[in-house]
């Protein structure tokens, strides 16, 4: 299973970390997750101290997961353009397509586009129930 940043963050919020440890993600996820924490601090949803603890937890989780590096890739750009997705989202979809794996995301648009491409998708709650 390939987990995008939205599913990883939701798993952290819901304390559903077990499945993450068996999964894969992209190197991109750590930057996206860092950005989520930063925005949380700016919006006063998270204190700076809580943000530091979240970053430490994210770092530990990411270090255990299998990381796929996609980088700057013309095939990802094609997926992005063909599906009207951001390059970030297209990276996760491309990864799932290229290794024929399930994509775990909380993003409805990404789920819909993945389904159109024949990629099986789940949300973290479905995965946590042992899909």
N, C-alpha and C. Protein backbone atom coordinates (compact mmCIF):
# COMPACT_ATOMS: atom_id res chain seq x y z
N UNK A 1 0.83 -1.18 0.00
CA UNK A 1 0.00 0.00 0.00
C UNK A 1 0.88 1.24 0.00
N UNK A 2 0.49 2.20 -0.83
CA UNK A 2 1.18 3.48 -0.88
C UNK A 2 0.30 4.52 -0.19
N UNK A 3 0.85 5.14 0.85
CA UNK A 3 0.12 6.13 1.63
C UNK A 3 0.55 7.53 1.21
N UNK A 4 -0.42 8.39 0.92
CA UNK A 4 -0.08 9.78 0.64
C UNK A 4 -0.04 10.55 1.96
N UNK A 5 0.37 11.81 1.88
CA UNK A 5 0.52 12.62 3.09
C UNK A 5 -0.79 12.78 3.85
N UNK A 6 -1.91 12.92 3.12
CA UNK A 6 -3.20 13.09 3.80
C UNK A 6 -3.56 11.88 4.64
N UNK A 7 -3.26 10.69 4.14
CA UNK A 7 -3.58 9.48 4.89
C UNK A 7 -2.64 9.30 6.07
N UNK A 8 -1.39 9.67 5.90
CA UNK A 8 -0.43 9.56 7.01
C UNK A 8 -0.84 10.51 8.14
N UNK A 9 -1.18 11.75 7.80
CA UNK A 9 -1.56 12.71 8.83
C UNK A 9 -2.85 12.28 9.54
N UNK A 10 -3.80 11.78 8.78
CA UNK A 10 -5.05 11.31 9.38
C UNK A 10 -4.79 10.12 10.29
N UNK A 11 -3.89 9.24 9.89
CA UNK A 11 -3.53 8.09 10.75
C UNK A 11 -2.91 8.57 12.06
N UNK A 12 -2.09 9.61 11.99
CA UNK A 12 -1.49 10.17 13.20
C UNK A 12 -2.58 10.77 14.09
N UNK A 13 -3.48 11.55 13.50
CA UNK A 13 -4.58 12.16 14.27
C UNK A 13 -5.46 11.11 14.92
N UNK A 14 -5.70 10.00 14.22
CA UNK A 14 -6.59 8.94 14.71
C UNK A 14 -5.87 7.86 15.49
N UNK A 15 -4.57 8.02 15.67
CA UNK A 15 -3.75 7.02 16.34
C UNK A 15 -3.90 5.63 15.70
N UNK A 16 -3.85 5.61 14.37
CA UNK A 16 -3.93 4.36 13.59
C UNK A 16 -2.62 4.13 12.86
N UNK A 17 -1.55 4.03 13.61
CA UNK A 17 -0.21 4.02 13.02
C UNK A 17 0.25 2.65 12.53
N UNK A 18 -0.36 1.58 13.00
CA UNK A 18 0.13 0.23 12.71
C UNK A 18 0.27 -0.02 11.21
N UNK A 19 -0.75 0.29 10.45
CA UNK A 19 -0.75 0.02 9.01
C UNK A 19 0.30 0.83 8.27
N UNK A 20 0.58 2.03 8.77
CA UNK A 20 1.60 2.85 8.13
C UNK A 20 2.95 2.15 8.13
N UNK A 21 3.24 1.47 9.21
CA UNK A 21 4.55 0.85 9.36
C UNK A 21 4.78 -0.28 8.37
N UNK A 22 3.69 -0.81 7.80
CA UNK A 22 3.79 -1.87 6.80
C UNK A 22 3.77 -1.31 5.39
N UNK A 23 3.59 0.01 5.27
CA UNK A 23 3.33 0.60 3.96
C UNK A 23 4.51 1.32 3.35
N UNK A 24 4.19 1.96 2.23
CA UNK A 24 5.17 2.74 1.47
C UNK A 24 4.63 4.15 1.33
N UNK A 25 5.53 5.07 1.09
CA UNK A 25 5.16 6.43 0.76
C UNK A 25 6.23 7.01 -0.14
N UNK A 26 6.06 8.24 -0.52
CA UNK A 26 7.04 8.92 -1.36
C UNK A 26 7.90 9.85 -0.51
N UNK A 27 9.10 10.13 -0.96
CA UNK A 27 9.96 11.08 -0.25
C UNK A 27 9.27 12.44 -0.11
N UNK A 28 8.42 12.75 -1.04
CA UNK A 28 7.63 13.97 -1.04
C UNK A 28 6.77 14.11 0.22
N UNK A 29 6.32 13.00 0.78
CA UNK A 29 5.39 13.03 1.91
C UNK A 29 5.95 13.77 3.11
N UNK A 30 7.24 13.61 3.38
CA UNK A 30 7.80 14.26 4.57
C UNK A 30 7.72 15.78 4.46
N UNK A 31 7.87 16.31 3.25
CA UNK A 31 7.78 17.76 3.06
C UNK A 31 6.33 18.23 3.14
N UNK A 32 5.43 17.45 2.57
CA UNK A 32 4.01 17.79 2.66
C UNK A 32 3.55 17.78 4.12
N UNK A 33 3.98 16.77 4.87
CA UNK A 33 3.58 16.67 6.27
C UNK A 33 4.18 17.80 7.10
N UNK A 34 5.42 18.15 6.82
CA UNK A 34 6.03 19.30 7.49
C UNK A 34 5.24 20.57 7.24
N UNK A 35 4.76 20.71 6.02
CA UNK A 35 3.97 21.88 5.66
C UNK A 35 2.63 21.90 6.41
N UNK A 36 2.02 20.73 6.58
CA UNK A 36 0.76 20.64 7.33
C UNK A 36 0.98 21.10 8.78
N UNK A 37 2.07 20.66 9.38
CA UNK A 37 2.37 21.05 10.76
C UNK A 37 2.61 22.56 10.83
N UNK A 38 3.39 23.07 9.90
CA UNK A 38 3.66 24.51 9.85
C UNK A 38 2.37 25.32 9.74
N UNK A 39 1.48 24.89 8.84
CA UNK A 39 0.19 25.59 8.68
C UNK A 39 -0.64 25.50 9.96
N UNK A 40 -0.58 24.36 10.62
CA UNK A 40 -1.30 24.21 11.89
C UNK A 40 -0.83 25.20 12.93
N UNK A 41 0.48 25.44 12.96
CA UNK A 41 1.03 26.41 13.91
C UNK A 41 0.58 27.82 13.52
N UNK A 42 0.66 28.15 12.23
CA UNK A 42 0.24 29.48 11.78
C UNK A 42 -1.23 29.75 12.09
N UNK A 43 -2.05 28.72 11.95
CA UNK A 43 -3.49 28.87 12.19
C UNK A 43 -3.85 28.71 13.66
N UNK A 44 -2.85 28.51 14.49
CA UNK A 44 -3.03 28.37 15.94
C UNK A 44 -3.82 27.11 16.32
N UNK A 45 -3.82 26.10 15.43
CA UNK A 45 -4.43 24.81 15.74
C UNK A 45 -3.45 23.92 16.50
N UNK A 46 -2.18 24.24 16.39
CA UNK A 46 -1.10 23.47 17.00
C UNK A 46 -0.13 24.47 17.61
N UNK A 47 0.32 24.21 18.83
CA UNK A 47 1.34 25.08 19.42
C UNK A 47 2.70 24.72 18.81
N UNK A 48 3.67 25.62 18.89
CA UNK A 48 5.00 25.27 18.39
C UNK A 48 5.58 24.02 19.05
N UNK A 49 5.35 23.85 20.35
CA UNK A 49 5.84 22.64 21.04
C UNK A 49 5.15 21.38 20.50
N UNK A 50 3.83 21.46 20.30
CA UNK A 50 3.11 20.32 19.72
C UNK A 50 3.61 20.05 18.30
N UNK A 51 3.89 21.13 17.57
CA UNK A 51 4.42 20.99 16.22
C UNK A 51 5.74 20.24 16.21
N UNK A 52 6.62 20.59 17.15
CA UNK A 52 7.91 19.88 17.25
C UNK A 52 7.71 18.40 17.52
N UNK A 53 6.78 18.09 18.42
CA UNK A 53 6.50 16.68 18.74
C UNK A 53 5.92 15.95 17.53
N UNK A 54 5.04 16.63 16.79
CA UNK A 54 4.47 16.03 15.58
C UNK A 54 5.56 15.76 14.55
N UNK A 55 6.47 16.72 14.37
CA UNK A 55 7.57 16.55 13.41
C UNK A 55 8.43 15.35 13.81
N UNK A 56 8.72 15.22 15.10
CA UNK A 56 9.51 14.07 15.57
C UNK A 56 8.79 12.76 15.29
N UNK A 57 7.48 12.72 15.55
CA UNK A 57 6.69 11.51 15.29
C UNK A 57 6.66 11.21 13.80
N UNK A 58 6.42 12.22 12.98
CA UNK A 58 6.40 12.03 11.53
C UNK A 58 7.75 11.49 11.06
N UNK A 59 8.83 12.04 11.57
CA UNK A 59 10.17 11.59 11.19
C UNK A 59 10.38 10.11 11.53
N UNK A 60 9.93 9.70 12.71
CA UNK A 60 10.06 8.30 13.12
C UNK A 60 9.24 7.39 12.21
N UNK A 61 8.02 7.79 11.93
CA UNK A 61 7.14 6.98 11.08
C UNK A 61 7.72 6.85 9.68
N UNK A 62 8.11 7.97 9.10
CA UNK A 62 8.66 7.97 7.74
C UNK A 62 9.92 7.12 7.67
N UNK A 63 10.74 7.15 8.73
CA UNK A 63 11.99 6.38 8.71
C UNK A 63 11.75 4.88 8.71
N UNK A 64 10.59 4.45 9.17
CA UNK A 64 10.26 3.02 9.21
C UNK A 64 9.60 2.58 7.91
N UNK A 65 8.88 3.49 7.27
CA UNK A 65 8.17 3.14 6.03
C UNK A 65 9.15 2.96 4.88
N UNK A 66 8.73 2.19 3.88
CA UNK A 66 9.52 2.07 2.65
C UNK A 66 9.28 3.34 1.84
N UNK A 67 10.36 4.00 1.46
CA UNK A 67 10.26 5.28 0.74
C UNK A 67 10.58 5.07 -0.74
N UNK A 68 9.67 5.53 -1.58
CA UNK A 68 9.90 5.51 -3.03
C UNK A 68 10.26 6.92 -3.46
N UNK A 69 11.29 7.03 -4.27
CA UNK A 69 11.69 8.33 -4.80
C UNK A 69 11.23 8.42 -6.24
N UNK A 70 10.43 9.41 -6.51
CA UNK A 70 9.90 9.62 -7.86
C UNK A 70 10.69 10.73 -8.56
N UNK A 71 10.96 11.81 -7.85
CA UNK A 71 11.71 12.92 -8.41
C UNK A 71 10.98 13.64 -9.53
N UNK A 72 11.75 14.38 -10.30
CA UNK A 72 11.20 15.08 -11.46
C UNK A 72 11.16 14.07 -12.59
N UNK A 73 9.96 13.83 -13.09
CA UNK A 73 9.75 12.69 -13.98
C UNK A 73 8.70 13.06 -15.03
N UNK A 74 9.04 12.89 -16.28
CA UNK A 74 8.11 13.21 -17.36
C UNK A 74 6.84 12.39 -17.32
N UNK A 75 6.93 11.15 -16.84
CA UNK A 75 5.73 10.31 -16.74
C UNK A 75 4.77 10.84 -15.68
N UNK A 76 5.32 11.38 -14.60
CA UNK A 76 4.47 11.98 -13.57
C UNK A 76 3.78 13.22 -14.14
N UNK A 77 4.52 14.00 -14.88
CA UNK A 77 3.93 15.19 -15.50
C UNK A 77 2.78 14.80 -16.42
N UNK A 78 2.95 13.73 -17.18
CA UNK A 78 1.88 13.26 -18.07
C UNK A 78 0.64 12.86 -17.26
N UNK A 79 0.84 12.14 -16.16
CA UNK A 79 -0.28 11.76 -15.29
C UNK A 79 -0.96 13.01 -14.75
N UNK A 80 -0.17 14.01 -14.36
CA UNK A 80 -0.73 15.25 -13.82
C UNK A 80 -1.58 15.97 -14.87
N UNK A 81 -1.04 16.11 -16.06
CA UNK A 81 -1.74 16.83 -17.13
C UNK A 81 -2.98 16.05 -17.57
N UNK A 82 -2.82 14.75 -17.81
CA UNK A 82 -3.94 13.93 -18.29
C UNK A 82 -5.09 13.85 -17.30
N UNK A 83 -4.79 13.99 -16.01
CA UNK A 83 -5.81 13.82 -14.98
C UNK A 83 -6.15 15.10 -14.23
N UNK A 84 -5.59 16.21 -14.68
CA UNK A 84 -5.83 17.50 -14.03
C UNK A 84 -5.54 17.43 -12.52
N UNK A 85 -4.37 16.88 -12.19
CA UNK A 85 -3.93 16.75 -10.81
C UNK A 85 -2.68 17.60 -10.60
N UNK A 86 -2.43 18.00 -9.37
CA UNK A 86 -1.16 18.65 -9.06
C UNK A 86 -0.04 17.63 -9.28
N UNK A 87 1.16 18.12 -9.48
CA UNK A 87 2.30 17.23 -9.64
C UNK A 87 2.46 16.36 -8.40
N UNK A 88 2.20 16.95 -7.22
CA UNK A 88 2.29 16.19 -5.97
C UNK A 88 1.35 14.98 -6.00
N UNK A 89 0.07 15.23 -6.26
CA UNK A 89 -0.91 14.14 -6.27
C UNK A 89 -0.62 13.15 -7.39
N UNK A 90 -0.21 13.66 -8.54
CA UNK A 90 0.13 12.77 -9.66
C UNK A 90 1.30 11.86 -9.31
N UNK A 91 2.20 12.32 -8.46
CA UNK A 91 3.34 11.49 -8.04
C UNK A 91 2.87 10.24 -7.31
N UNK A 92 1.90 10.41 -6.41
CA UNK A 92 1.36 9.25 -5.69
C UNK A 92 0.62 8.31 -6.64
N UNK A 93 -0.16 8.89 -7.54
CA UNK A 93 -0.90 8.07 -8.50
C UNK A 93 0.06 7.33 -9.42
N UNK A 94 1.07 8.01 -9.91
CA UNK A 94 2.08 7.37 -10.76
C UNK A 94 2.76 6.22 -10.02
N UNK A 95 3.12 6.44 -8.76
CA UNK A 95 3.77 5.39 -7.98
C UNK A 95 2.88 4.17 -7.86
N UNK A 96 1.60 4.38 -7.57
CA UNK A 96 0.66 3.26 -7.44
C UNK A 96 0.50 2.53 -8.77
N UNK A 97 0.43 3.27 -9.86
CA UNK A 97 0.29 2.65 -11.18
C UNK A 97 1.55 1.86 -11.52
N UNK A 98 2.71 2.46 -11.30
CA UNK A 98 3.96 1.85 -11.75
C UNK A 98 4.32 0.57 -10.99
N UNK A 99 3.91 0.46 -9.74
CA UNK A 99 4.21 -0.77 -8.99
C UNK A 99 2.96 -1.61 -8.74
N UNK A 100 1.86 -1.21 -9.41
CA UNK A 100 0.58 -1.94 -9.30
C UNK A 100 0.20 -2.17 -7.83
N UNK A 101 0.09 -1.07 -7.11
CA UNK A 101 -0.21 -1.14 -5.69
C UNK A 101 -1.45 -0.31 -5.37
N UNK A 102 -1.98 -0.53 -4.20
CA UNK A 102 -3.14 0.20 -3.69
C UNK A 102 -2.67 1.58 -3.23
N UNK A 103 -3.51 2.59 -3.45
CA UNK A 103 -3.23 3.95 -2.98
C UNK A 103 -4.16 4.27 -1.82
N UNK A 104 -3.57 4.72 -0.72
CA UNK A 104 -4.35 5.12 0.45
C UNK A 104 -4.28 6.64 0.54
N UNK A 105 -5.45 7.28 0.45
CA UNK A 105 -5.54 8.74 0.46
C UNK A 105 -6.87 9.17 1.04
N UNK A 106 -6.89 10.37 1.58
CA UNK A 106 -8.13 10.97 2.07
C UNK A 106 -8.67 11.98 1.05
N UNK A 107 -7.96 12.16 -0.03
CA UNK A 107 -8.28 13.16 -1.05
C UNK A 107 -9.28 12.59 -2.06
N UNK A 108 -10.49 13.12 -2.06
CA UNK A 108 -11.55 12.58 -2.92
C UNK A 108 -11.20 12.70 -4.40
N UNK A 109 -10.68 13.84 -4.81
CA UNK A 109 -10.33 14.01 -6.22
C UNK A 109 -9.27 12.99 -6.64
N UNK A 110 -8.27 12.79 -5.81
CA UNK A 110 -7.23 11.81 -6.12
C UNK A 110 -7.81 10.40 -6.16
N UNK A 111 -8.71 10.08 -5.23
CA UNK A 111 -9.37 8.77 -5.25
C UNK A 111 -10.13 8.57 -6.56
N UNK A 112 -10.87 9.59 -6.97
CA UNK A 112 -11.66 9.49 -8.20
C UNK A 112 -10.77 9.30 -9.42
N UNK A 113 -9.70 10.07 -9.50
CA UNK A 113 -8.78 9.96 -10.64
C UNK A 113 -8.07 8.61 -10.63
N UNK A 114 -7.70 8.14 -9.46
CA UNK A 114 -7.06 6.84 -9.35
C UNK A 114 -8.00 5.74 -9.83
N UNK A 115 -9.26 5.82 -9.44
CA UNK A 115 -10.25 4.83 -9.88
C UNK A 115 -10.38 4.84 -11.40
N UNK A 116 -10.37 6.03 -12.00
CA UNK A 116 -10.44 6.15 -13.46
C UNK A 116 -9.23 5.49 -14.13
N UNK A 117 -8.11 5.46 -13.43
CA UNK A 117 -6.88 4.84 -13.96
C UNK A 117 -6.76 3.37 -13.57
N UNK A 118 -7.78 2.83 -12.90
CA UNK A 118 -7.77 1.43 -12.51
C UNK A 118 -6.98 1.12 -11.26
N UNK A 119 -6.71 2.13 -10.44
CA UNK A 119 -5.97 1.94 -9.20
C UNK A 119 -6.95 1.82 -8.05
N UNK A 120 -6.79 0.77 -7.27
CA UNK A 120 -7.63 0.55 -6.09
C UNK A 120 -7.24 1.56 -5.01
N UNK A 121 -8.23 2.17 -4.37
CA UNK A 121 -7.94 3.16 -3.33
C UNK A 121 -8.76 2.89 -2.07
N UNK A 122 -8.20 3.32 -0.96
CA UNK A 122 -8.87 3.26 0.34
C UNK A 122 -8.54 4.52 1.11
N UNK A 123 -9.35 4.80 2.11
CA UNK A 123 -9.03 5.81 3.11
C UNK A 123 -8.38 5.11 4.29
N UNK A 124 -7.77 5.86 5.17
CA UNK A 124 -7.05 5.26 6.30
C UNK A 124 -7.99 4.49 7.22
N UNK A 125 -9.23 4.95 7.38
CA UNK A 125 -10.17 4.23 8.26
C UNK A 125 -10.47 2.84 7.70
N UNK A 126 -10.59 2.74 6.38
CA UNK A 126 -10.84 1.43 5.76
C UNK A 126 -9.64 0.52 5.95
N UNK A 127 -8.46 1.06 5.81
CA UNK A 127 -7.23 0.27 5.97
C UNK A 127 -7.07 -0.16 7.42
N UNK A 128 -7.40 0.73 8.35
CA UNK A 128 -7.28 0.42 9.77
C UNK A 128 -8.20 -0.72 10.17
N UNK A 129 -9.28 -0.92 9.40
CA UNK A 129 -10.20 -2.03 9.67
C UNK A 129 -9.71 -3.33 9.04
N UNK A 130 -8.45 -3.33 8.58
CA UNK A 130 -7.79 -4.53 8.04
C UNK A 130 -8.16 -4.88 6.62
N UNK A 131 -8.20 -3.91 5.76
CA UNK A 131 -8.41 -4.19 4.33
C UNK A 131 -7.18 -4.85 3.79
